Amino acid sequence: MRMKAEERVSQITAQQWELLRAQLERETGMDLAGSRFSRLQSAVAKVLSLHPHWLPDGEHLEEQLPPVFVEQVTAELTVGESFFFRNHTHFDALRNHVLPTILAEKASRREIRLWSAGCAGGEEPYSLAILLDQMLLGQQPWQITILGTDLSPPFLERARQGWYRPWSFRHTQIHQDTRYFEPREGGYQLDRRICEQVRFSYLNLVKDAFPSPLNGTVGMDLICFRNVAIYLKPEVTAAILRRFWDALRPGGWLLLGETELNHAEIAPYEVRRFNAATFFQKPPAAHADLVPMAPPRPAFAAGGWPGITVPIVPPVPDWVPLPGAGGQPASASPALLTPPAPHALGAPNQLGTASQGMGKSAAATVATAQPEAEPLPVADPRQRAQGRLQLAHSLLLQAQTAEARRQVELALQDDPMLVEGYILQAGLAEDAGDLAAAEGACRRALYLNRRCCLAHFHLSLVQQQKGEMAAAAKSLRTLRELIEQRDPHELVEYGDGMCYGRLRELIQMLGLADQT
């Protein structure tokens, strides 16, 4: 006879609760002590209702939990409710100051990249999309990339639907504008044209690697991080803001909510105030002083690429396994730690031999890229291809995505057997919403290496976005078989710092691998 979730919760001892609370805090960065402990108990009870066969047994509670337990509890602890154009002073400043500045700076390339981190049900990124649509009315088309990330799959699925109740418009009348909404089933459906401008993706800001071209979190013009830090410990928020610094292009902007404002001093942002709105800007000529220097690995012949300096990729977070996922939790906190050995796809270093002996600031400088520049002659096309991938990464950090895509294409012309080139090509195509091209690049990578785990994973993500759920489940089952015997702390090839343990967890989160 099955026990109710409440009955099973009552069997958890005080010692087990303390172990569980500590485990959750390590993996999520949340502060669950004091008055928040009762909320933790309620969240655990709700999640246990989804796992009717689990019973607490012994002291090692954290080792018995389902692999997705922590992620599900975290989603229950967070509030997924927001509303359109929340905080009108922020959006007034965006409309009148920040976005006009960005658009003027990007006028020649006509591409803009925005990120809503902790997007909940999608109201914030959709508000940004509507605002840009209003500002660009009558102009030539722009390449607009708006990314919304959250750690709750149900929130993300709701956001993708684009349907909202009247309460989501409590401080705006935008739902009355027929260009953007139409009444439907007691609520309002967002126009498909606006929905298609926003890409929603799962991302845990504490556990997952960013910035990375593989999840579209590089070279951002604007990052919005509002009303998320209320759940987090101050030191975790500070670590996330440091990594946002790395995700912004030189001159990029960060918008924080009131709860995040106290932590912005950890990076040398320049404070910009517009009436009642405060923004933080990365200086246009910013140095990556906060990033430890990676070992040099020359990619070009002496001389390299004229006028281009490839930056050091920022460190990735340490991986802490979820309960039941295998492996032991790392002792360090999931913040900025020593990065793994560099890879041509995601961890470029100073070009040529000039990086030998350079100081950290000089080696990490992101120089102004020159898209028209071509490399000096290099006899080995494979070496030239590796160099082009490094240049593509540098261009991505500066939000020059079109030129970055061109360099990846040229790299694959130089070396058609370059698996990591196809992986990067797939990530850039997915970021641009070109799912057919993303799937094609994944399949070309798999043609060259059928055991390429990252290609299987990204193929499954693309298939899900296309609504091909059976194919996505098949890709995930293949991936699960490939990684079954892998050390959870081993780095995934081409994975920008992702470990096999985290990859296992993401398979569980997607919830398709067990489907037939």
Protein backbone atom coordinates (compact mmCIF):
# COMPACT_ATOMS: atom_id res chain seq x y z
CA MET A 1 0.00 0.00 0.00
CA ARG A 2 1.42 3.33 -1.05
CA MET A 3 1.81 6.06 1.52
CA LYS A 4 0.81 9.62 0.77
CA ALA A 5 3.57 12.14 0.22
CA GLU A 6 2.75 13.85 3.53
CA GLU A 7 3.18 10.56 5.39
CA ARG A 8 6.53 9.93 3.80
CA VAL A 9 7.65 13.47 4.64
CA SER A 10 6.74 12.85 8.28
CA GLN A 11 9.13 9.88 8.32
CA ILE A 12 12.13 12.04 7.41
CA THR A 13 14.19 12.56 10.55
CA ALA A 14 15.67 15.88 11.69
CA GLN A 15 19.14 14.64 10.75
CA GLN A 16 17.93 13.67 7.29
CA TRP A 17 16.31 17.07 6.83
CA GLU A 18 19.56 18.81 7.69
CA LEU A 19 21.48 16.65 5.22
CA LEU A 20 18.87 17.34 2.56
CA ARG A 21 18.88 21.09 3.20
CA ALA A 22 22.70 21.20 2.96
CA GLN A 23 22.63 19.17 -0.26
CA LEU A 24 20.05 21.44 -1.85
CA GLU A 25 21.95 24.57 -0.85
CA ARG A 26 25.18 23.22 -2.36
CA GLU A 27 23.54 22.44 -5.67
CA THR A 28 21.15 25.37 -6.11
CA GLY A 29 22.85 28.24 -4.28
CA MET A 30 19.61 28.88 -2.41
CA ASP A 31 19.36 29.92 1.22
CA LEU A 32 16.99 27.40 2.81
CA ALA A 33 17.67 28.02 6.49
CA GLY A 34 15.49 29.76 9.08
CA SER A 35 12.01 30.78 7.99
CA ARG A 36 12.49 29.29 4.52
CA PHE A 37 12.76 25.76 5.92
CA SER A 38 8.97 25.33 6.05
CA ARG A 39 8.78 26.21 2.35
CA LEU A 40 11.39 23.53 1.70
CA GLN A 41 9.24 20.95 3.51
CA SER A 42 6.19 21.90 1.44
CA ALA A 43 8.17 21.69 -1.79
CA VAL A 44 9.58 18.28 -0.87
CA ALA A 45 6.08 16.97 -0.13
CA LYS A 46 4.83 18.16 -3.52
CA VAL A 47 7.76 16.60 -5.40
CA LEU A 48 7.47 13.32 -3.51
CA SER A 49 3.93 13.02 -4.83
CA LEU A 50 5.56 12.59 -8.25
CA HIS A 51 7.72 9.71 -6.97
CA PRO A 52 5.31 7.38 -5.15
CA HIS A 53 7.78 4.51 -4.75
CA TRP A 54 10.47 6.44 -2.90
CA LEU A 55 10.80 5.98 0.87
CA PRO A 56 13.43 7.49 3.19
CA ASP A 57 15.74 4.85 4.60
CA GLY A 58 18.81 5.39 6.78
CA GLU A 59 21.09 8.38 7.12
CA HIS A 60 22.21 8.78 3.52
CA LEU A 61 19.00 10.37 2.34
CA GLU A 62 20.67 12.45 -0.36
CA GLU A 63 21.99 9.31 -2.08
CA GLN A 64 18.53 7.74 -2.37
CA LEU A 65 16.66 10.55 -4.08
CA PRO A 66 15.56 10.41 -7.74
CA PRO A 67 18.11 12.10 -10.03
CA VAL A 68 15.79 14.99 -10.90
CA PHE A 69 14.65 15.56 -7.32
CA VAL A 70 16.73 18.67 -6.63
CA GLU A 71 15.74 20.36 -9.87
CA GLN A 72 12.04 19.69 -9.20
CA VAL A 73 12.23 20.96 -5.62
CA THR A 74 14.04 24.07 -6.82
CA ALA A 75 11.28 24.77 -9.33
CA GLU A 76 8.68 24.43 -6.56
CA LEU A 77 10.58 26.90 -4.37
CA THR A 78 10.63 29.61 -7.03
CA VAL A 79 7.75 31.80 -8.15
CA GLY A 80 7.00 31.53 -11.85
CA GLU A 81 4.57 34.40 -11.95
CA SER A 82 5.45 37.76 -13.50
CA PHE A 83 3.73 40.31 -15.72
CA PHE A 84 4.33 42.24 -18.92
CA PHE A 85 6.44 45.41 -18.75
CA ARG A 86 7.13 44.87 -15.07
CA ASN A 87 8.66 48.01 -13.50
CA HIS A 88 7.78 50.73 -15.98
CA THR A 89 10.84 52.81 -15.01
CA HIS A 90 13.09 50.02 -16.31
CA PHE A 91 11.24 49.83 -19.62
CA ASP A 92 11.14 53.62 -19.97
CA ALA A 93 14.93 53.64 -19.62
CA LEU A 94 15.23 50.79 -22.11
CA ARG A 95 13.03 52.58 -24.63
CA ASN A 96 14.56 56.05 -24.25
CA HIS A 97 18.22 55.39 -23.46
CA VAL A 98 19.64 51.87 -23.41
CA LEU A 99 18.14 50.26 -26.51
CA PRO A 100 18.66 53.38 -28.70
CA THR A 101 22.33 53.30 -27.69
CA ILE A 102 22.63 49.61 -28.56
CA LEU A 103 20.81 50.05 -31.87
CA ALA A 104 23.05 52.96 -32.84
CA GLU A 105 26.17 50.95 -32.02
CA LYS A 106 24.93 47.94 -33.98
CA ALA A 107 23.46 49.83 -36.94
CA SER A 108 26.08 48.61 -39.40
CA ARG A 109 25.59 44.92 -38.55
CA ARG A 110 21.89 45.12 -37.67
CA GLU A 111 21.98 42.34 -35.09
CA ILE A 112 21.07 42.54 -31.42
CA ARG A 113 21.28 39.93 -28.64
CA LEU A 114 19.22 40.07 -25.43
CA TRP A 115 19.01 37.57 -22.56
CA SER A 116 16.33 37.26 -19.88
CA ALA A 117 17.96 35.11 -17.18
CA GLY A 118 15.34 33.56 -14.91
CA CYS A 119 12.51 34.31 -17.32
CA ALA A 120 9.77 32.34 -15.50
CA GLY A 121 6.68 32.28 -17.74
CA GLY A 122 8.17 34.44 -20.47
CA GLU A 123 6.59 37.81 -19.78
CA GLU A 124 9.93 39.64 -19.59
CA PRO A 125 11.53 38.39 -22.84
CA TYR A 126 8.26 38.87 -24.70
CA SER A 127 8.05 42.42 -23.35
CA LEU A 128 11.53 43.03 -24.75
CA ALA A 129 10.46 41.59 -28.12
CA ILE A 130 7.39 43.85 -28.26
CA LEU A 131 9.44 46.89 -27.27
CA LEU A 132 12.00 46.23 -30.00
CA ASP A 133 9.22 45.66 -32.53
CA GLN A 134 7.77 49.08 -31.69
CA MET A 135 11.16 50.79 -31.87
CA LEU A 136 12.17 49.20 -35.18
CA LEU A 137 8.84 49.78 -36.91
CA GLY A 138 9.42 50.80 -40.52
CA GLN A 139 13.15 50.01 -40.51
CA GLN A 140 15.00 47.40 -42.50
CA PRO A 141 14.96 43.94 -40.85
CA TRP A 142 17.30 43.25 -37.96
CA GLN A 143 18.64 39.92 -36.75
CA ILE A 144 17.04 39.85 -33.30
CA THR A 145 18.07 37.16 -30.82
CA ILE A 146 16.20 37.08 -27.51
CA LEU A 147 17.01 34.23 -25.14
CA GLY A 148 14.86 33.32 -22.14
CA THR A 149 16.32 30.81 -19.68
CA ASP A 150 14.97 29.24 -16.52
CA LEU A 151 15.52 26.11 -14.45
CA SER A 152 11.84 25.10 -14.47
CA PRO A 153 10.76 23.08 -17.54
CA PRO A 154 7.04 23.72 -16.78
CA PHE A 155 7.66 27.49 -16.75
CA LEU A 156 9.50 27.26 -20.06
CA GLU A 157 6.78 25.19 -21.69
CA ARG A 158 4.18 27.72 -20.56
CA ALA A 159 6.32 30.52 -22.01
CA ARG A 160 6.56 28.79 -25.38
CA GLN A 161 2.77 28.63 -25.61
CA GLY A 162 2.51 32.43 -25.44
CA TRP A 163 -0.94 32.41 -23.81
CA TYR A 164 -1.56 34.61 -20.77
CA ARG A 165 -4.36 35.40 -18.33
CA PRO A 166 -5.49 39.00 -17.76
CA TRP A 167 -3.47 39.16 -14.50
CA SER A 168 -0.27 39.12 -16.58
CA PHE A 169 -1.21 42.58 -17.89
CA ARG A 170 -2.05 44.27 -14.59
CA HIS A 171 0.30 47.21 -15.19
CA THR A 172 -0.13 47.59 -18.94
CA GLN A 173 -2.77 47.65 -21.65
CA ILE A 174 -0.56 45.99 -24.27
CA HIS A 175 -2.99 43.06 -24.51
CA GLN A 176 -5.49 45.47 -26.11
CA ASP A 177 -3.09 46.04 -29.02
CA THR A 178 -4.28 43.71 -31.79
CA ARG A 179 -0.83 43.80 -33.40
CA TYR A 180 0.41 41.65 -30.55
CA PHE A 181 -2.49 39.83 -28.85
CA GLU A 182 -5.86 38.37 -29.61
CA PRO A 183 -8.45 37.19 -27.05
CA ARG A 184 -8.59 33.44 -26.68
CA GLU A 185 -10.18 31.10 -24.10
CA GLY A 186 -10.47 33.68 -21.35
CA GLY A 187 -6.94 34.99 -21.88
CA TYR A 188 -4.76 36.47 -24.59
CA GLN A 189 -2.63 34.73 -27.21
CA LEU A 190 0.58 36.43 -28.27
CA ASP A 191 1.09 36.84 -32.00
CA ARG A 192 3.21 34.06 -33.50
CA ARG A 193 5.53 36.61 -35.10
CA ILE A 194 6.60 37.83 -31.63
CA CYS A 195 6.74 34.33 -30.17
CA GLU A 196 9.20 33.30 -32.85
CA GLN A 197 11.60 36.08 -31.87
CA VAL A 198 12.23 34.50 -28.45
CA ARG A 199 14.04 31.21 -27.83
CA PHE A 200 13.43 29.53 -24.48
CA SER A 201 15.98 27.17 -23.02
CA TYR A 202 16.66 25.35 -19.78
CA LEU A 203 19.67 26.72 -17.88
CA ASN A 204 20.68 26.39 -14.23
CA LEU A 205 22.78 29.49 -13.50
CA VAL A 206 24.52 27.71 -10.63
CA LYS A 207 25.31 24.36 -12.24
CA ASP A 208 25.53 24.90 -15.99
CA ALA A 209 28.45 26.39 -17.92
CA PHE A 210 28.01 29.87 -19.32
CA PRO A 211 28.90 31.93 -21.24
CA SER A 212 29.07 29.39 -24.03
CA PRO A 213 28.28 29.42 -27.75
CA LEU A 214 26.62 26.03 -27.23
CA ASN A 215 23.73 27.56 -25.27
CA GLY A 216 23.72 31.00 -26.87
CA THR A 217 24.95 32.92 -23.82
CA VAL A 218 27.88 34.78 -25.40
CA GLY A 219 28.23 38.29 -26.74
CA MET A 220 25.05 39.66 -25.19
CA ASP A 221 24.07 43.30 -25.70
CA LEU A 222 21.73 43.23 -22.70
CA ILE A 223 21.16 40.80 -19.83
CA CYS A 224 18.12 41.15 -17.58
CA PHE A 225 18.45 39.48 -14.17
CA ARG A 226 15.57 40.69 -12.08
CA ASN A 227 13.96 39.27 -8.95
CA VAL A 228 15.96 36.04 -9.02
CA ALA A 229 18.56 36.69 -6.33
CA ILE A 230 15.87 36.79 -3.67
CA TYR A 231 16.24 33.00 -3.52
CA LEU A 232 20.03 32.87 -3.60
CA LYS A 233 22.85 33.28 -1.14
CA PRO A 234 24.73 36.58 -1.63
CA GLU A 235 27.99 34.87 -2.60
CA VAL A 236 26.16 32.84 -5.27
CA THR A 237 24.57 35.96 -6.72
CA ALA A 238 27.99 37.63 -6.80
CA ALA A 239 29.46 34.67 -8.70
CA ILE A 240 26.62 34.75 -11.24
CA LEU A 241 27.09 38.48 -11.82
CA ARG A 242 30.80 37.91 -12.48
CA ARG A 243 29.92 35.41 -15.15
CA PHE A 244 27.38 37.81 -16.64
CA TRP A 245 30.32 40.19 -17.06
CA ASP A 246 31.97 37.56 -19.24
CA ALA A 247 28.75 36.92 -21.17
CA LEU A 248 28.35 40.59 -22.10
CA ARG A 249 30.08 42.03 -25.12
CA PRO A 250 32.32 45.06 -24.48
CA GLY A 251 29.83 47.90 -23.99
CA GLY A 252 27.00 45.50 -23.06
CA TRP A 253 24.38 46.31 -20.42
CA LEU A 254 23.11 44.54 -17.29
CA LEU A 255 19.70 45.28 -15.77
CA LEU A 256 19.12 44.07 -12.22
CA GLY A 257 16.11 43.93 -9.97
CA GLU A 258 16.07 45.55 -6.57
CA THR A 259 17.18 42.36 -4.82
CA GLU A 260 20.26 42.06 -7.04
CA LEU A 261 21.48 45.64 -6.76
CA ASN A 262 23.53 45.07 -3.62
CA HIS A 263 25.80 42.59 -5.39
CA ALA A 264 26.74 44.52 -8.54
CA GLU A 265 29.97 45.88 -7.07
CA ILE A 266 31.81 42.55 -7.54
CA ALA A 267 32.65 43.39 -11.15
CA PRO A 268 33.87 46.76 -12.45
CA TYR A 269 30.63 47.70 -14.14
CA GLU A 270 30.04 51.36 -14.85
CA VAL A 271 26.86 52.57 -13.18
CA ARG A 272 24.33 54.30 -15.45
CA ARG A 273 21.31 55.97 -13.87
CA PHE A 274 18.22 57.09 -15.80
CA ASN A 275 15.66 58.71 -13.51
CA ALA A 276 14.58 55.86 -11.19
CA ALA A 277 16.31 53.10 -13.19
CA THR A 278 19.86 51.90 -12.60
CA PHE A 279 21.80 49.94 -15.22
CA PHE A 280 25.31 48.54 -15.21
CA GLN A 281 27.48 48.72 -18.30
CA LYS A 282 30.59 46.79 -19.22
CA PRO A 283 33.08 49.36 -20.52
CA PRO A 284 33.55 49.22 -24.31
CA ALA A 285 37.27 48.52 -23.90
CA ALA A 286 36.88 46.13 -20.95
CA HIS A 287 39.68 43.79 -20.00
CA ALA A 288 38.88 40.32 -18.69
CA ASP A 289 40.90 40.95 -15.53
CA LEU A 290 38.68 38.68 -13.47
CA VAL A 291 39.46 35.64 -15.60
CA PRO A 292 42.47 33.42 -14.84
CA MET A 293 44.69 32.93 -17.83
CA ALA A 294 44.61 29.59 -19.61
CA PRO A 295 47.78 27.89 -20.87
CA PRO A 296 48.78 29.21 -24.31
CA ARG A 297 48.13 27.01 -27.31
CA PRO A 298 49.09 28.74 -30.60
CA ALA A 299 46.62 28.25 -33.40
CA PHE A 300 48.17 30.29 -36.22
CA ALA A 301 51.53 30.69 -37.81
CA ALA A 302 53.50 33.68 -36.53
CA GLY A 303 51.59 36.85 -37.34
CA GLY A 304 48.14 35.34 -36.85
CA TRP A 305 45.08 37.39 -37.70
CA PRO A 306 45.74 41.10 -38.15
CA GLY A 307 44.29 43.20 -35.35
CA ILE A 308 42.51 40.34 -33.59
CA THR A 309 43.16 39.18 -30.05
CA VAL A 310 41.29 36.08 -28.92
CA PRO A 311 40.18 36.28 -25.28
CA ILE A 312 40.53 33.71 -22.57
CA VAL A 313 37.27 31.87 -21.98
CA PRO A 314 35.92 32.38 -18.46
CA PRO A 315 35.97 29.53 -15.95
CA VAL A 316 33.05 27.15 -15.71
CA PRO A 317 31.24 26.21 -12.52
CA ASP A 318 32.24 23.10 -10.66
CA TRP A 319 29.75 20.29 -11.06
CA VAL A 320 27.89 18.99 -8.03
CA PRO A 321 25.99 15.73 -8.71
CA LEU A 322 22.32 15.53 -7.90
CA PRO A 323 21.31 12.91 -5.32
CA GLY A 324 21.30 9.49 -6.88
CA ALA A 325 23.29 10.65 -9.91
CA GLY A 326 26.51 8.98 -8.81
CA GLY A 327 29.82 10.54 -7.88
CA GLN A 328 30.63 12.61 -4.84
CA PRO A 329 29.76 16.29 -4.39
CA ALA A 330 32.67 18.61 -4.94
CA SER A 331 33.96 20.32 -1.85
CA ALA A 332 34.19 23.74 -3.47
CA SER A 333 31.17 25.95 -3.96
CA PRO A 334 29.62 26.08 -7.45
CA ALA A 335 31.13 29.44 -8.33
CA LEU A 336 34.14 30.53 -10.38
CA LEU A 337 36.74 27.78 -10.28
CA THR A 338 39.75 26.73 -12.32
CA PRO A 339 38.72 25.99 -15.91
CA PRO A 340 39.46 22.70 -17.64
CA ALA A 341 42.08 22.34 -20.33
CA PRO A 342 41.20 24.60 -23.28
CA HIS A 343 39.53 23.32 -26.42
CA ALA A 344 39.51 24.99 -29.79
CA LEU A 345 35.73 25.21 -29.83
CA GLY A 346 35.10 26.83 -26.50
CA ALA A 347 38.35 27.82 -24.79
CA PRO A 348 40.55 29.87 -27.09
CA ASN A 349 43.78 31.47 -25.97
CA GLN A 350 46.04 34.22 -27.17
CA LEU A 351 46.86 33.91 -30.88
CA GLY A 352 50.29 32.97 -32.05
CA THR A 353 53.30 32.72 -29.78
CA ALA A 354 52.90 36.27 -28.55
CA SER A 355 50.92 35.09 -25.53
CA GLN A 356 53.99 33.48 -24.01
CA GLY A 357 54.87 35.42 -20.87
CA MET A 358 52.13 38.03 -21.22
CA GLY A 359 50.38 39.34 -18.16
CA LYS A 360 46.81 38.36 -17.39
CA SER A 361 45.26 41.65 -18.42
CA ALA A 362 47.15 41.89 -21.69
CA ALA A 363 46.49 38.28 -22.62
CA ALA A 364 42.79 38.56 -21.87
CA THR A 365 42.20 41.79 -23.80
CA VAL A 366 39.39 41.58 -26.32
CA ALA A 367 40.52 43.73 -29.22
CA THR A 368 38.14 45.19 -31.76
CA ALA A 369 37.60 42.52 -34.38
CA GLN A 370 38.08 43.25 -38.07
CA PRO A 371 35.66 41.04 -40.01
CA GLU A 372 37.27 41.93 -43.30
CA ALA A 373 40.70 40.75 -42.19
CA GLU A 374 41.97 37.42 -43.48
CA PRO A 375 44.63 35.25 -41.88
CA LEU A 376 48.17 35.21 -42.99
CA PRO A 377 48.94 32.12 -45.10
CA VAL A 378 49.05 28.88 -43.11
CA ALA A 379 50.18 25.80 -44.96
CA ASP A 380 48.15 23.28 -42.96
CA PRO A 381 44.39 23.77 -43.62
CA ARG A 382 43.56 21.92 -40.42
CA GLN A 383 45.59 24.41 -38.40
CA ARG A 384 43.88 27.25 -40.27
CA ALA A 385 40.48 25.71 -39.47
CA GLN A 386 41.30 25.61 -35.77
CA GLY A 387 42.33 29.25 -35.93
CA ARG A 388 39.08 30.22 -37.61
CA LEU A 389 37.12 28.54 -34.80
CA GLN A 390 39.07 30.57 -32.27
CA LEU A 391 38.35 33.73 -34.21
CA ALA A 392 34.67 32.77 -34.35
CA HIS A 393 34.62 32.53 -30.57
CA SER A 394 36.22 35.97 -30.26
CA LEU A 395 33.62 37.42 -32.61
CA LEU A 396 30.82 35.82 -30.60
CA LEU A 397 32.04 37.50 -27.43
CA GLN A 398 31.72 40.81 -29.27
CA ALA A 399 28.20 39.98 -30.55
CA GLN A 400 29.36 39.68 -34.17
CA THR A 401 27.38 36.52 -34.80
CA ALA A 402 27.04 36.79 -38.59
CA GLU A 403 30.80 37.02 -39.07
CA ALA A 404 31.31 34.25 -36.51
CA ARG A 405 29.02 31.96 -38.52
CA ARG A 406 30.99 32.82 -41.67
CA GLN A 407 34.26 31.91 -39.99
CA VAL A 408 32.82 28.56 -38.85
CA GLU A 409 31.72 27.84 -42.42
CA LEU A 410 35.19 28.70 -43.71
CA ALA A 411 36.74 26.50 -41.03
CA LEU A 412 34.65 23.56 -42.22
CA GLN A 413 35.72 24.25 -45.79
CA ASP A 414 39.32 24.07 -44.65
CA ASP A 415 38.71 20.90 -42.64
CA PRO A 416 35.43 19.07 -43.45
CA MET A 417 36.33 16.45 -40.83
CA LEU A 418 36.27 18.93 -37.94
CA VAL A 419 33.61 17.56 -35.60
CA GLU A 420 33.83 20.46 -33.16
CA GLY A 421 33.17 22.84 -36.05
CA TYR A 422 29.86 21.14 -36.78
CA ILE A 423 28.96 21.22 -33.08
CA LEU A 424 29.55 24.97 -32.98
CA GLN A 425 27.68 25.40 -36.27
CA ALA A 426 24.71 23.55 -34.77
CA GLY A 427 24.73 25.75 -31.68
CA LEU A 428 24.81 28.95 -33.74
CA ALA A 429 22.03 27.73 -36.02
CA GLU A 430 19.84 26.81 -33.04
CA ASP A 431 20.57 30.22 -31.52
CA ALA A 432 19.35 31.83 -34.76
CA GLY A 433 16.21 29.68 -34.84
CA ASP A 434 17.32 27.73 -37.92
CA LEU A 435 16.41 24.27 -36.66
CA ALA A 436 16.90 22.56 -40.03
CA ALA A 437 20.49 23.81 -40.26
CA ALA A 438 21.09 22.87 -36.62
CA GLU A 439 19.86 19.33 -37.22
CA GLY A 440 21.97 19.03 -40.35
CA ALA A 441 25.11 20.10 -38.51
CA CYS A 442 24.42 17.61 -35.71
CA ARG A 443 23.98 14.80 -38.21
CA ARG A 444 27.20 15.69 -40.01
CA ALA A 445 29.03 15.55 -36.68
CA LEU A 446 27.49 12.14 -35.99
CA TYR A 447 28.43 10.92 -39.48
CA LEU A 448 32.05 11.62 -38.55
CA ASN A 449 31.76 10.32 -34.98
CA ARG A 450 28.74 8.20 -34.04
CA ARG A 451 29.82 8.34 -30.39
CA CYS A 452 29.85 12.13 -30.15
CA CYS A 453 27.70 12.65 -27.06
CA LEU A 454 27.22 16.37 -27.50
CA ALA A 455 25.93 15.89 -31.06
CA HIS A 456 23.35 13.37 -29.84
CA PHE A 457 22.30 15.74 -27.06
CA HIS A 458 21.87 18.79 -29.28
CA LEU A 459 20.11 16.71 -31.92
CA SER A 460 17.56 15.68 -29.29
CA LEU A 461 17.03 19.34 -28.28
CA VAL A 462 16.44 20.34 -31.90
CA GLN A 463 14.05 17.43 -32.44
CA GLN A 464 12.06 18.45 -29.37
CA GLN A 465 11.77 22.01 -30.63
CA LYS A 466 10.51 20.65 -33.94
CA GLY A 467 7.89 18.58 -32.12
CA GLU A 468 9.50 15.27 -33.11
CA MET A 469 9.24 13.75 -29.64
CA ALA A 470 9.73 10.10 -30.63
CA ALA A 471 12.93 10.95 -32.51
CA ALA A 472 14.12 13.06 -29.56
CA ALA A 473 13.50 10.18 -27.17
CA LYS A 474 15.48 7.85 -29.42
CA SER A 475 18.42 10.28 -29.52
CA LEU A 476 18.40 10.55 -25.73
CA ARG A 477 18.27 6.77 -25.27
CA THR A 478 21.30 6.42 -27.54
CA LEU A 479 23.07 9.12 -25.56
CA ARG A 480 22.23 7.49 -22.25
CA GLU A 481 23.73 4.21 -23.44
CA LEU A 482 26.91 5.99 -24.56
CA ILE A 483 27.52 7.70 -21.22
CA GLU A 484 26.38 4.90 -18.92
CA GLN A 485 29.90 3.86 -17.94
CA ARG A 486 31.47 7.32 -17.95
CA ASP A 487 32.92 8.91 -14.84
CA PRO A 488 30.39 11.60 -13.85
CA HIS A 489 33.19 14.12 -13.31
CA GLU A 490 34.83 13.51 -16.70
CA LEU A 491 34.43 16.40 -19.15
CA VAL A 492 32.27 15.88 -22.22
CA GLU A 493 34.26 16.32 -25.41
CA TYR A 494 33.53 19.71 -27.00
CA GLY A 495 31.17 20.42 -24.08
CA ASP A 496 32.57 23.77 -22.88
CA GLY A 497 33.11 22.38 -19.39
CA MET A 498 30.02 20.16 -19.10
CA CYS A 499 30.58 16.90 -17.20
CA TYR A 500 29.01 13.53 -17.94
CA GLY A 501 27.27 13.65 -14.56
CA ARG A 502 25.51 16.88 -15.50
CA LEU A 503 24.66 15.45 -18.92
CA ARG A 504 22.97 12.49 -17.20
CA GLU A 505 20.94 14.89 -15.09
CA LEU A 506 19.83 16.86 -18.14
CA ILE A 507 18.67 13.65 -19.81
CA GLN A 508 16.56 12.97 -16.73
CA MET A 509 15.22 16.53 -16.76
CA LEU A 510 14.14 16.21 -20.39
CA GLY A 511 12.14 13.15 -19.35
CA LEU A 512 12.02 11.52 -22.79
CA ALA A 513 14.66 8.80 -22.67
CA ASP A 514 12.32 6.34 -20.95
CA GLN A 515 9.51 6.85 -23.44
CA THR A 516 8.88 4.22 -26.04
